[in-house]
Protein backbone atom coordinates (compact mmCIF):
# COMPACT_ATOMS: atom_id res chain seq x y z
CA UNK A 1 104.94 124.03 70.46
CA UNK A 2 101.99 125.53 68.71
CA UNK A 3 98.99 127.21 70.25
CA UNK A 4 96.98 124.12 69.32
CA UNK A 5 99.08 121.84 71.53
CA UNK A 6 99.38 124.05 74.61
CA UNK A 7 96.56 125.41 76.70
CA UNK A 8 96.78 129.04 77.65
CA UNK A 9 97.21 129.72 81.36
CA UNK A 10 93.72 131.19 81.37
CA UNK A 11 92.15 127.92 80.23
CA UNK A 12 94.20 125.97 82.74
CA UNK A 13 92.60 128.10 85.46
CA UNK A 14 89.10 128.49 83.99
CA UNK A 15 88.29 124.90 83.04
CA UNK A 16 88.64 123.67 86.65
CA UNK A 17 85.94 126.16 87.66
CA UNK A 18 83.49 124.53 85.27
CA UNK A 19 84.52 121.01 86.27
CA UNK A 20 84.05 121.49 90.02
CA UNK A 21 80.71 123.20 89.47
CA UNK A 22 79.60 120.27 87.31
CA UNK A 23 80.76 117.95 90.10
CA UNK A 24 78.58 119.85 92.57
CA UNK A 25 81.30 121.03 94.96
CA UNK A 26 80.68 124.45 96.54
CA UNK A 27 84.00 124.73 98.44
CA UNK A 28 85.86 123.65 95.31
CA UNK A 29 84.09 126.29 93.22
CA UNK A 30 85.13 128.97 95.71
CA UNK A 31 88.70 127.67 95.73
CA UNK A 32 88.96 127.48 91.94
CA UNK A 33 87.64 131.03 91.48
CA UNK A 34 90.22 132.31 93.98
CA UNK A 35 92.91 130.25 92.27
CA UNK A 36 92.03 131.63 88.85
CA UNK A 37 92.17 135.18 90.15
CA UNK A 38 95.48 134.48 91.85
CA UNK A 39 96.91 133.08 88.63
CA UNK A 40 95.95 136.21 86.71
CA UNK A 41 92.65 135.28 85.07
CA UNK A 42 90.55 138.35 84.54
CA UNK A 43 87.24 138.85 86.31
CA UNK A 44 85.69 139.11 82.84
CA UNK A 45 86.99 135.65 81.87
CA UNK A 46 85.79 134.14 85.14
CA UNK A 47 82.34 135.71 84.71
CA UNK A 48 82.22 134.37 81.17
CA UNK A 49 83.12 130.89 82.42
CA UNK A 50 80.41 131.03 85.08
CA UNK A 51 77.95 132.31 82.49
CA UNK A 52 78.76 129.47 80.11
CA UNK A 53 78.18 126.93 82.86
CA UNK A 54 74.86 128.58 83.71
CA UNK A 55 73.87 128.54 80.04
CA UNK A 56 74.72 124.86 79.69
CA UNK A 57 72.50 124.05 82.66
CA UNK A 58 69.55 125.27 80.63
CA UNK A 59 70.18 123.13 77.57
CA UNK A 60 67.46 120.54 77.10
CA UNK A 61 69.83 118.07 75.48
CA UNK A 62 72.12 118.17 78.51
CA UNK A 63 69.18 117.74 80.87
CA UNK A 64 68.00 114.72 78.89
CA UNK A 65 71.42 113.07 78.84
CA UNK A 66 72.84 114.04 82.22
CA UNK A 67 69.61 114.41 84.13
CA UNK A 68 67.88 117.34 85.72
CA UNK A 69 68.97 116.26 89.21
CA UNK A 70 72.64 116.47 88.20
CA UNK A 71 72.10 119.91 86.73
CA UNK A 72 70.24 121.02 89.85
CA UNK A 73 73.28 120.04 91.97
CA UNK A 74 75.23 122.65 90.04
CA UNK A 75 73.11 125.53 91.37
CA UNK A 76 74.83 125.97 94.75
CA UNK A 77 78.41 125.68 93.45
CA UNK A 78 77.59 128.08 90.62
CA UNK A 79 76.18 130.58 93.10
CA UNK A 80 79.22 130.06 95.34
CA UNK A 81 81.55 130.79 92.42
CA UNK A 82 79.71 133.99 91.56
CA UNK A 83 79.58 135.07 95.19
CA UNK A 84 83.28 134.38 95.68
CA UNK A 85 84.24 136.35 92.59
CA UNK A 86 82.26 139.38 93.73
CA UNK A 87 83.60 139.08 97.29
CA UNK A 88 87.21 138.86 96.11
CA UNK A 89 86.75 141.84 93.79
CA UNK A 90 85.14 143.94 96.50
CA UNK A 91 88.12 143.25 98.78
CA UNK A 92 90.52 144.68 96.23
CA UNK A 93 88.20 147.52 95.27
CA UNK A 94 87.43 146.45 91.70
């Protein structure tokens, strides 16, 4: 298989973070951040994923097509993901 046909383990763990945040699920965001860390995703990659989601929330075209209410529902799960990452890292002394 080529790199084009297989997703790296990092993507398999990072994409679910974005999906559950977009779905508006706080507990799921916490769970997916913990899962990604447990599967070996780096804190840097998780932060980048959370940052990309936050950036996309601010895109006017997304707000027009998805709706501002849908994007607003992403706030709490996004904050939960960030909080969970920092909490998990502080527990291991990173």
